[in-house]
Every structure is written in C-alpha cells, then in structure tokens.
Amino acid sequence: MYELIKFTHLAAGIVWLGGMAIMLWAVRPVAIAQLEPAQRLPLLAGMLRRFFNLVGLCVILLLTTGAIMLMGVDMKLAPKGWHAMIGLGSLMCLIFGHLYFGPFRKMKNALLIDDLSAAGAQLAKIHPLVLSNFALGWLAVGAVVMWR
C-alpha cells in the first residue's frame, strides 16, 4: 500500500512539474510568437484553466499522500530534505492558490468583457509565479533526493 501512495505522490509531482515545463517553454513562447493578443489570450486562458484544474487535483493528491506517508514518522529523525520538501511544497501550494484566485481569476474576468489589455497584464503576473513554482518544485525534488 505504501508503494501505491508513494507512486501517486510522485506521479502528481511529475504531472505538475511537467505541465509547468510545457507551458513555460513550449506553449507560451509559440503562442506569443504566432498569435495576436485577441487569439493568444483566450487560448492561453483556456489552456491554463485546464492545466490549473489538473494542478488542483495534483495539490490535493500531494498533500494527502504526503500526509499519509508522514504519519507515524518521528519528524525529529526525518532527513533534512523531507523538512525542506514540506516547506517548499507548502510554499508552492500557496503560490498556486494566489495565482489561481488572483491574477488568473482577474484574467478570466477581463476576457469576459473583452479587455485584452487587462487580461494581458494579469497573464504577465502569472508567468513569474509559475517560474517560481517550477524552480521551487525542482528544489524540493533535489532536497528530498540529495539532503539526507
């Protein structure tokens, strides 16, 4: 049973990190290069909506499986990397919550009234937050793997 829980935890992390990589280094640059704002912003909003719904599920799975795996563990004896992963992962969840309920919500609302300028400004706020979460995610992976 522990192996299934750990697999689910890892799979959720991989989906979240992999999705951020695709959005940051494949989808966004191509959309910016090939589409005008009137086409690009609704496309990216739709893609982010789908991705963020998936991230929401990943967050639930990561928090649930992480908590289950930590039950019964004496955290005073746990590797330092585990403590770092908990802190970094918690920060990632908070950043995701902020970008979802802040700039992303405002972007969707701006698109509803065809305010492309406001939607673009909100999208510009999302990008560094996703970059931060991507970096934090890899720091968490590195910490748990290398910091014993």
N, C-alpha and C. Protein backbone atom coordinates (compact mmCIF):
# COMPACT_ATOMS: atom_id res chain seq x y z
N MET A 1 0.82 -1.19 0.00
CA MET A 1 0.00 0.00 0.00
C MET A 1 0.87 1.27 0.00
N TYR A 2 1.96 1.24 0.79
CA TYR A 2 2.85 2.40 0.85
C TYR A 2 3.40 2.73 -0.53
N GLU A 3 3.74 1.70 -1.31
CA GLU A 3 4.29 1.93 -2.64
C GLU A 3 3.29 2.63 -3.55
N LEU A 4 2.02 2.27 -3.46
CA LEU A 4 0.98 2.91 -4.26
C LEU A 4 0.81 4.38 -3.86
N ILE A 5 0.86 4.65 -2.57
CA ILE A 5 0.75 6.02 -2.08
C ILE A 5 1.95 6.84 -2.56
N LYS A 6 3.13 6.27 -2.45
CA LYS A 6 4.35 6.97 -2.90
C LYS A 6 4.31 7.19 -4.42
N PHE A 7 3.85 6.19 -5.16
CA PHE A 7 3.72 6.34 -6.61
C PHE A 7 2.77 7.48 -6.96
N THR A 8 1.63 7.54 -6.29
CA THR A 8 0.65 8.59 -6.53
C THR A 8 1.25 9.95 -6.22
N HIS A 9 2.00 10.03 -5.14
CA HIS A 9 2.67 11.28 -4.76
C HIS A 9 3.66 11.72 -5.85
N LEU A 10 4.48 10.80 -6.29
CA LEU A 10 5.45 11.11 -7.34
C LEU A 10 4.77 11.46 -8.66
N ALA A 11 3.74 10.73 -9.02
CA ALA A 11 3.03 11.00 -10.28
C ALA A 11 2.41 12.40 -10.27
N ALA A 12 1.82 12.79 -9.14
CA ALA A 12 1.22 14.12 -9.05
C ALA A 12 2.30 15.20 -9.19
N GLY A 13 3.44 14.99 -8.57
CA GLY A 13 4.54 15.95 -8.70
C GLY A 13 5.07 16.02 -10.12
N ILE A 14 5.19 14.89 -10.77
CA ILE A 14 5.68 14.84 -12.15
C ILE A 14 4.71 15.56 -13.09
N VAL A 15 3.42 15.32 -12.91
CA VAL A 15 2.41 15.98 -13.76
C VAL A 15 2.49 17.50 -13.57
N TRP A 16 2.58 17.96 -12.33
CA TRP A 16 2.64 19.40 -12.06
C TRP A 16 3.91 20.01 -12.66
N LEU A 17 5.07 19.42 -12.38
CA LEU A 17 6.32 19.95 -12.92
C LEU A 17 6.37 19.86 -14.44
N GLY A 18 5.95 18.73 -14.98
CA GLY A 18 5.96 18.57 -16.43
C GLY A 18 5.02 19.53 -17.12
N GLY A 19 3.86 19.76 -16.54
CA GLY A 19 2.91 20.71 -17.11
C GLY A 19 3.47 22.12 -17.11
N MET A 20 4.15 22.48 -16.02
CA MET A 20 4.76 23.81 -15.98
C MET A 20 5.84 23.94 -17.06
N ALA A 21 6.63 22.90 -17.24
CA ALA A 21 7.68 22.94 -18.27
C ALA A 21 7.09 23.14 -19.65
N ILE A 22 6.05 22.40 -19.97
CA ILE A 22 5.40 22.52 -21.28
C ILE A 22 4.83 23.93 -21.47
N MET A 23 4.13 24.43 -20.46
CA MET A 23 3.52 25.76 -20.57
C MET A 23 4.59 26.85 -20.70
N LEU A 24 5.66 26.76 -19.89
CA LEU A 24 6.68 27.80 -19.87
C LEU A 24 7.55 27.81 -21.13
N TRP A 25 7.96 26.63 -21.59
CA TRP A 25 8.97 26.59 -22.64
C TRP A 25 8.49 26.08 -23.99
N ALA A 26 7.22 25.72 -24.08
CA ALA A 26 6.69 25.28 -25.38
C ALA A 26 5.46 26.09 -25.77
N VAL A 27 4.41 26.02 -24.98
CA VAL A 27 3.14 26.65 -25.35
C VAL A 27 3.24 28.18 -25.37
N ARG A 28 3.67 28.76 -24.25
CA ARG A 28 3.68 30.22 -24.14
C ARG A 28 4.54 30.89 -25.21
N PRO A 29 5.80 30.45 -25.40
CA PRO A 29 6.62 31.13 -26.42
C PRO A 29 6.05 31.02 -27.83
N VAL A 30 5.49 29.88 -28.18
CA VAL A 30 4.92 29.72 -29.52
C VAL A 30 3.67 30.58 -29.66
N ALA A 31 2.83 30.61 -28.63
CA ALA A 31 1.63 31.44 -28.69
C ALA A 31 2.00 32.92 -28.84
N ILE A 32 3.00 33.37 -28.12
CA ILE A 32 3.43 34.76 -28.23
C ILE A 32 3.99 35.05 -29.62
N ALA A 33 4.75 34.12 -30.16
CA ALA A 33 5.38 34.33 -31.47
C ALA A 33 4.39 34.27 -32.62
N GLN A 34 3.33 33.48 -32.50
CA GLN A 34 2.48 33.23 -33.65
C GLN A 34 1.08 33.84 -33.59
N LEU A 35 0.65 34.28 -32.43
CA LEU A 35 -0.74 34.74 -32.31
C LEU A 35 -0.82 36.18 -31.81
N GLU A 36 -1.79 36.89 -32.32
CA GLU A 36 -2.10 38.23 -31.82
C GLU A 36 -2.82 38.09 -30.48
N PRO A 37 -2.77 39.15 -29.65
CA PRO A 37 -3.41 39.06 -28.33
C PRO A 37 -4.87 38.60 -28.36
N ALA A 38 -5.63 39.02 -29.36
CA ALA A 38 -7.05 38.63 -29.44
C ALA A 38 -7.22 37.13 -29.58
N GLN A 39 -6.24 36.45 -30.16
CA GLN A 39 -6.29 34.99 -30.29
C GLN A 39 -5.52 34.33 -29.14
N ARG A 40 -4.37 34.90 -28.80
CA ARG A 40 -3.47 34.30 -27.82
C ARG A 40 -4.08 34.25 -26.42
N LEU A 41 -4.67 35.35 -25.97
CA LEU A 41 -5.14 35.42 -24.59
C LEU A 41 -6.27 34.43 -24.30
N PRO A 42 -7.29 34.32 -25.14
CA PRO A 42 -8.31 33.29 -24.87
C PRO A 42 -7.75 31.86 -24.95
N LEU A 43 -6.82 31.63 -25.88
CA LEU A 43 -6.20 30.30 -25.98
C LEU A 43 -5.45 29.96 -24.70
N LEU A 44 -4.59 30.88 -24.26
CA LEU A 44 -3.81 30.61 -23.05
C LEU A 44 -4.70 30.52 -21.82
N ALA A 45 -5.75 31.33 -21.76
CA ALA A 45 -6.68 31.24 -20.63
C ALA A 45 -7.35 29.86 -20.58
N GLY A 46 -7.75 29.37 -21.76
CA GLY A 46 -8.37 28.04 -21.82
C GLY A 46 -7.40 26.94 -21.44
N MET A 47 -6.17 27.05 -21.92
CA MET A 47 -5.16 26.04 -21.58
C MET A 47 -4.82 26.09 -20.10
N LEU A 48 -4.67 27.30 -19.57
CA LEU A 48 -4.37 27.44 -18.14
C LEU A 48 -5.53 26.92 -17.29
N ARG A 49 -6.76 27.18 -17.72
CA ARG A 49 -7.92 26.66 -16.96
C ARG A 49 -7.83 25.15 -16.83
N ARG A 50 -7.58 24.49 -17.96
CA ARG A 50 -7.49 23.03 -17.93
C ARG A 50 -6.30 22.57 -17.09
N PHE A 51 -5.15 23.23 -17.29
CA PHE A 51 -3.95 22.86 -16.55
C PHE A 51 -4.13 23.12 -15.06
N PHE A 52 -4.69 24.27 -14.70
CA PHE A 52 -4.86 24.59 -13.28
C PHE A 52 -5.86 23.66 -12.61
N ASN A 53 -6.87 23.19 -13.33
CA ASN A 53 -7.77 22.18 -12.77
C ASN A 53 -6.98 20.91 -12.45
N LEU A 54 -6.09 20.54 -13.34
CA LEU A 54 -5.24 19.38 -13.11
C LEU A 54 -4.29 19.62 -11.94
N VAL A 55 -3.73 20.81 -11.87
CA VAL A 55 -2.83 21.15 -10.76
C VAL A 55 -3.60 21.09 -9.44
N GLY A 56 -4.83 21.56 -9.43
CA GLY A 56 -5.64 21.47 -8.22
C GLY A 56 -5.77 20.03 -7.73
N LEU A 57 -6.01 19.12 -8.66
CA LEU A 57 -6.06 17.70 -8.30
C LEU A 57 -4.69 17.23 -7.79
N CYS A 58 -3.63 17.65 -8.46
CA CYS A 58 -2.27 17.26 -8.03
C CYS A 58 -1.98 17.78 -6.62
N VAL A 59 -2.39 19.00 -6.32
CA VAL A 59 -2.17 19.56 -4.99
C VAL A 59 -2.88 18.71 -3.94
N ILE A 60 -4.13 18.36 -4.21
CA ILE A 60 -4.88 17.51 -3.27
C ILE A 60 -4.17 16.17 -3.07
N LEU A 61 -3.74 15.56 -4.19
CA LEU A 61 -3.04 14.27 -4.09
C LEU A 61 -1.72 14.40 -3.35
N LEU A 62 -0.95 15.44 -3.65
CA LEU A 62 0.34 15.63 -2.99
C LEU A 62 0.18 15.84 -1.49
N LEU A 63 -0.75 16.69 -1.12
CA LEU A 63 -0.95 16.95 0.31
C LEU A 63 -1.46 15.71 1.04
N THR A 64 -2.40 15.00 0.40
CA THR A 64 -2.98 13.81 1.03
C THR A 64 -1.95 12.69 1.15
N THR A 65 -1.29 12.37 0.04
CA THR A 65 -0.32 11.27 0.08
C THR A 65 0.89 11.64 0.94
N GLY A 66 1.30 12.91 0.89
CA GLY A 66 2.41 13.34 1.74
C GLY A 66 2.07 13.18 3.21
N ALA A 67 0.87 13.59 3.59
CA ALA A 67 0.44 13.46 4.99
C ALA A 67 0.38 11.99 5.40
N ILE A 68 -0.14 11.15 4.52
CA ILE A 68 -0.23 9.72 4.84
C ILE A 68 1.16 9.13 5.04
N MET A 69 2.09 9.47 4.15
CA MET A 69 3.45 8.93 4.27
C MET A 69 4.17 9.43 5.52
N LEU A 70 3.80 10.63 5.99
CA LEU A 70 4.47 11.18 7.17
C LEU A 70 3.86 10.72 8.49
N MET A 71 2.66 10.11 8.42
CA MET A 71 2.04 9.61 9.64
C MET A 71 2.94 8.55 10.27
N GLY A 72 3.14 8.67 11.53
CA GLY A 72 3.95 7.68 12.22
C GLY A 72 5.44 7.91 12.11
N VAL A 73 5.84 8.96 11.39
CA VAL A 73 7.26 9.27 11.26
C VAL A 73 7.63 10.28 12.34
N ASP A 74 8.68 9.99 13.07
CA ASP A 74 9.19 10.95 14.05
C ASP A 74 9.97 12.01 13.27
N MET A 75 9.37 13.19 13.11
CA MET A 75 9.97 14.22 12.27
C MET A 75 11.32 14.70 12.80
N LYS A 76 11.59 14.48 14.10
CA LYS A 76 12.91 14.83 14.63
C LYS A 76 13.99 13.94 14.01
N LEU A 77 13.60 12.76 13.56
CA LEU A 77 14.56 11.82 12.97
C LEU A 77 14.51 11.82 11.44
N ALA A 78 13.56 12.53 10.88
CA ALA A 78 13.40 12.54 9.41
C ALA A 78 14.57 13.30 8.77
N PRO A 79 14.94 12.89 7.55
CA PRO A 79 16.02 13.60 6.85
C PRO A 79 15.68 15.08 6.65
N LYS A 80 16.71 15.91 6.63
CA LYS A 80 16.50 17.35 6.44
C LYS A 80 15.80 17.64 5.12
N GLY A 81 16.05 16.82 4.12
CA GLY A 81 15.41 17.00 2.83
C GLY A 81 13.90 16.88 2.90
N TRP A 82 13.40 16.03 3.80
CA TRP A 82 11.96 15.91 3.97
C TRP A 82 11.37 17.21 4.51
N HIS A 83 12.06 17.79 5.48
CA HIS A 83 11.60 19.07 6.05
C HIS A 83 11.60 20.15 4.96
N ALA A 84 12.66 20.17 4.16
CA ALA A 84 12.74 21.14 3.07
C ALA A 84 11.61 20.91 2.07
N MET A 85 11.36 19.65 1.73
CA MET A 85 10.29 19.34 0.78
C MET A 85 8.93 19.80 1.33
N ILE A 86 8.68 19.59 2.58
CA ILE A 86 7.41 20.02 3.18
C ILE A 86 7.27 21.55 3.09
N GLY A 87 8.32 22.25 3.44
CA GLY A 87 8.28 23.71 3.38
C GLY A 87 8.14 24.23 1.96
N LEU A 88 8.95 23.71 1.06
CA LEU A 88 8.90 24.16 -0.33
C LEU A 88 7.56 23.79 -0.99
N GLY A 89 7.10 22.58 -0.73
CA GLY A 89 5.82 22.15 -1.28
C GLY A 89 4.66 22.99 -0.76
N SER A 90 4.71 23.33 0.51
CA SER A 90 3.66 24.19 1.09
C SER A 90 3.69 25.57 0.44
N LEU A 91 4.89 26.11 0.24
CA LEU A 91 5.02 27.40 -0.43
C LEU A 91 4.48 27.33 -1.85
N MET A 92 4.76 26.24 -2.55
CA MET A 92 4.24 26.07 -3.91
C MET A 92 2.72 26.07 -3.92
N CYS A 93 2.12 25.39 -2.96
CA CYS A 93 0.64 25.35 -2.89
C CYS A 93 0.08 26.75 -2.64
N LEU A 94 0.73 27.52 -1.78
CA LEU A 94 0.27 28.88 -1.50
C LEU A 94 0.42 29.77 -2.74
N ILE A 95 1.52 29.64 -3.45
CA ILE A 95 1.72 30.43 -4.67
C ILE A 95 0.67 30.05 -5.70
N PHE A 96 0.42 28.76 -5.86
CA PHE A 96 -0.61 28.33 -6.81
C PHE A 96 -1.97 28.90 -6.43
N GLY A 97 -2.32 28.84 -5.16
CA GLY A 97 -3.59 29.40 -4.71
C GLY A 97 -3.68 30.88 -5.01
N HIS A 98 -2.59 31.60 -4.78
CA HIS A 98 -2.58 33.04 -5.07
C HIS A 98 -2.77 33.29 -6.56
N LEU A 99 -2.03 32.59 -7.40
CA LEU A 99 -2.14 32.88 -8.84
C LEU A 99 -3.48 32.43 -9.40
N TYR A 100 -4.05 31.38 -8.84
CA TYR A 100 -5.35 30.90 -9.33
C TYR A 100 -6.48 31.86 -8.95
N PHE A 101 -6.51 32.25 -7.67
CA PHE A 101 -7.60 33.10 -7.19
C PHE A 101 -7.33 34.59 -7.38
N GLY A 102 -6.10 34.94 -7.76
CA GLY A 102 -5.75 36.33 -8.01
C GLY A 102 -5.67 36.61 -9.50
N PRO A 103 -4.45 36.62 -10.06
CA PRO A 103 -4.28 37.00 -11.46
C PRO A 103 -5.07 36.15 -12.46
N PHE A 104 -5.18 34.86 -12.24
CA PHE A 104 -5.90 34.03 -13.20
C PHE A 104 -7.39 34.37 -13.21
N ARG A 105 -7.98 34.53 -12.04
CA ARG A 105 -9.40 34.92 -11.95
C ARG A 105 -9.62 36.27 -12.62
N LYS A 106 -8.72 37.22 -12.34
CA LYS A 106 -8.84 38.55 -12.95
C LYS A 106 -8.65 38.49 -14.47
N MET A 107 -7.78 37.61 -14.93
CA MET A 107 -7.58 37.44 -16.37
C MET A 107 -8.86 36.94 -17.03
N LYS A 108 -9.47 35.91 -16.44
CA LYS A 108 -10.71 35.38 -17.00
C LYS A 108 -11.81 36.44 -17.01
N ASN A 109 -11.92 37.21 -15.93
CA ASN A 109 -12.94 38.26 -15.86
C ASN A 109 -12.69 39.34 -16.91
N ALA A 110 -11.43 39.70 -17.13
CA ALA A 110 -11.10 40.70 -18.14
C ALA A 110 -11.46 40.19 -19.54
N LEU A 111 -11.24 38.92 -19.78
CA LEU A 111 -11.58 38.36 -21.10
C LEU A 111 -13.09 38.33 -21.32
N LEU A 112 -13.85 38.17 -20.25
CA LEU A 112 -15.31 38.16 -20.37
C LEU A 112 -15.85 39.49 -20.90
N ILE A 113 -15.14 40.56 -20.59
CA ILE A 113 -15.58 41.88 -21.05
C ILE A 113 -14.68 42.39 -22.19
N ASP A 114 -13.91 41.50 -22.79
CA ASP A 114 -13.03 41.82 -23.92
C ASP A 114 -12.01 42.91 -23.61
N ASP A 115 -11.52 42.94 -22.39
CA ASP A 115 -10.47 43.88 -22.01
C ASP A 115 -9.13 43.16 -22.16
N LEU A 116 -8.62 43.14 -23.38
CA LEU A 116 -7.38 42.41 -23.68
C LEU A 116 -6.19 42.99 -22.94
N SER A 117 -6.17 44.28 -22.76
CA SER A 117 -5.05 44.92 -22.06
C SER A 117 -4.97 44.43 -20.60
N ALA A 118 -6.11 44.42 -19.92
CA ALA A 118 -6.15 43.96 -18.53
C ALA A 118 -5.85 42.46 -18.45
N ALA A 119 -6.37 41.69 -19.40
CA ALA A 119 -6.10 40.24 -19.41
C ALA A 119 -4.61 39.99 -19.61
N GLY A 120 -4.00 40.73 -20.54
CA GLY A 120 -2.57 40.58 -20.78
C GLY A 120 -1.74 40.95 -19.56
N ALA A 121 -2.16 41.99 -18.85
CA ALA A 121 -1.44 42.40 -17.64
C ALA A 121 -1.51 41.31 -16.57
N GLN A 122 -2.66 40.65 -16.44
CA GLN A 122 -2.80 39.57 -15.46
C GLN A 122 -1.99 38.34 -15.88
N LEU A 123 -1.98 38.05 -17.17
CA LEU A 123 -1.17 36.93 -17.67
C LEU A 123 0.31 37.19 -17.38
N ALA A 124 0.72 38.43 -17.52
CA ALA A 124 2.12 38.79 -17.24
C ALA A 124 2.46 38.57 -15.75
N LYS A 125 1.47 38.66 -14.86
CA LYS A 125 1.69 38.38 -13.44
C LYS A 125 1.78 36.88 -13.16
N ILE A 126 1.10 36.09 -13.97
CA ILE A 126 1.10 34.64 -13.77
C ILE A 126 2.45 34.04 -14.10
N HIS A 127 3.08 34.52 -15.16
CA HIS A 127 4.33 33.93 -15.65
C HIS A 127 5.42 33.82 -14.58
N PRO A 128 5.77 34.90 -13.86
CA PRO A 128 6.83 34.75 -12.86
C PRO A 128 6.43 33.85 -11.69
N LEU A 129 5.15 33.79 -11.39
CA LEU A 129 4.70 32.90 -10.32
C LEU A 129 4.88 31.44 -10.73
N VAL A 130 4.57 31.14 -11.98
CA VAL A 130 4.77 29.77 -12.47
C VAL A 130 6.27 29.45 -12.53
N LEU A 131 7.08 30.41 -12.96
CA LEU A 131 8.54 30.21 -12.96
C LEU A 131 9.04 29.93 -11.55
N SER A 132 8.53 30.68 -10.59
CA SER A 132 8.94 30.47 -9.19
C SER A 132 8.55 29.07 -8.72
N ASN A 133 7.32 28.66 -9.03
CA ASN A 133 6.89 27.33 -8.61
C ASN A 133 7.69 26.24 -9.30
N PHE A 134 8.06 26.46 -10.54
CA PHE A 134 8.87 25.47 -11.25
C PHE A 134 10.22 25.31 -10.55
N ALA A 135 10.86 26.42 -10.22
CA ALA A 135 12.14 26.37 -9.52
C ALA A 135 11.99 25.73 -8.14
N LEU A 136 10.96 26.13 -7.41
CA LEU A 136 10.73 25.55 -6.08
C LEU A 136 10.48 24.05 -6.15
N GLY A 137 9.75 23.63 -7.17
CA GLY A 137 9.49 22.20 -7.34
C GLY A 137 10.77 21.41 -7.51
N TRP A 138 11.67 21.92 -8.33
CA TRP A 138 12.94 21.21 -8.52
C TRP A 138 13.83 21.29 -7.30
N LEU A 139 13.75 22.39 -6.55
CA LEU A 139 14.48 22.47 -5.29
C LEU A 139 13.97 21.40 -4.32
N ALA A 140 12.65 21.23 -4.27
CA ALA A 140 12.06 20.21 -3.38
C ALA A 140 12.51 18.81 -3.79
N VAL A 141 12.50 18.53 -5.08
CA VAL A 141 12.96 17.22 -5.57
C VAL A 141 14.42 17.02 -5.19
N GLY A 142 15.24 18.04 -5.47
CA GLY A 142 16.66 17.94 -5.13
C GLY A 142 16.88 17.75 -3.65
N ALA A 143 16.14 18.47 -2.84
CA ALA A 143 16.30 18.37 -1.38
C ALA A 143 16.00 16.97 -0.88
N VAL A 144 14.88 16.41 -1.34
CA VAL A 144 14.49 15.09 -0.81
C VAL A 144 15.43 13.99 -1.33
N VAL A 145 16.00 14.18 -2.52
CA VAL A 145 16.89 13.17 -3.08
C VAL A 145 18.31 13.27 -2.53
N MET A 146 18.78 14.51 -2.36
CA MET A 146 20.19 14.69 -2.02
C MET A 146 20.49 15.05 -0.56
N TRP A 147 19.51 15.57 0.16
CA TRP A 147 19.77 16.06 1.51
C TRP A 147 19.26 15.05 2.52
N ARG A 148 20.15 14.22 2.97
CA ARG A 148 19.78 13.15 3.91
C ARG A 148 20.06 13.55 5.29
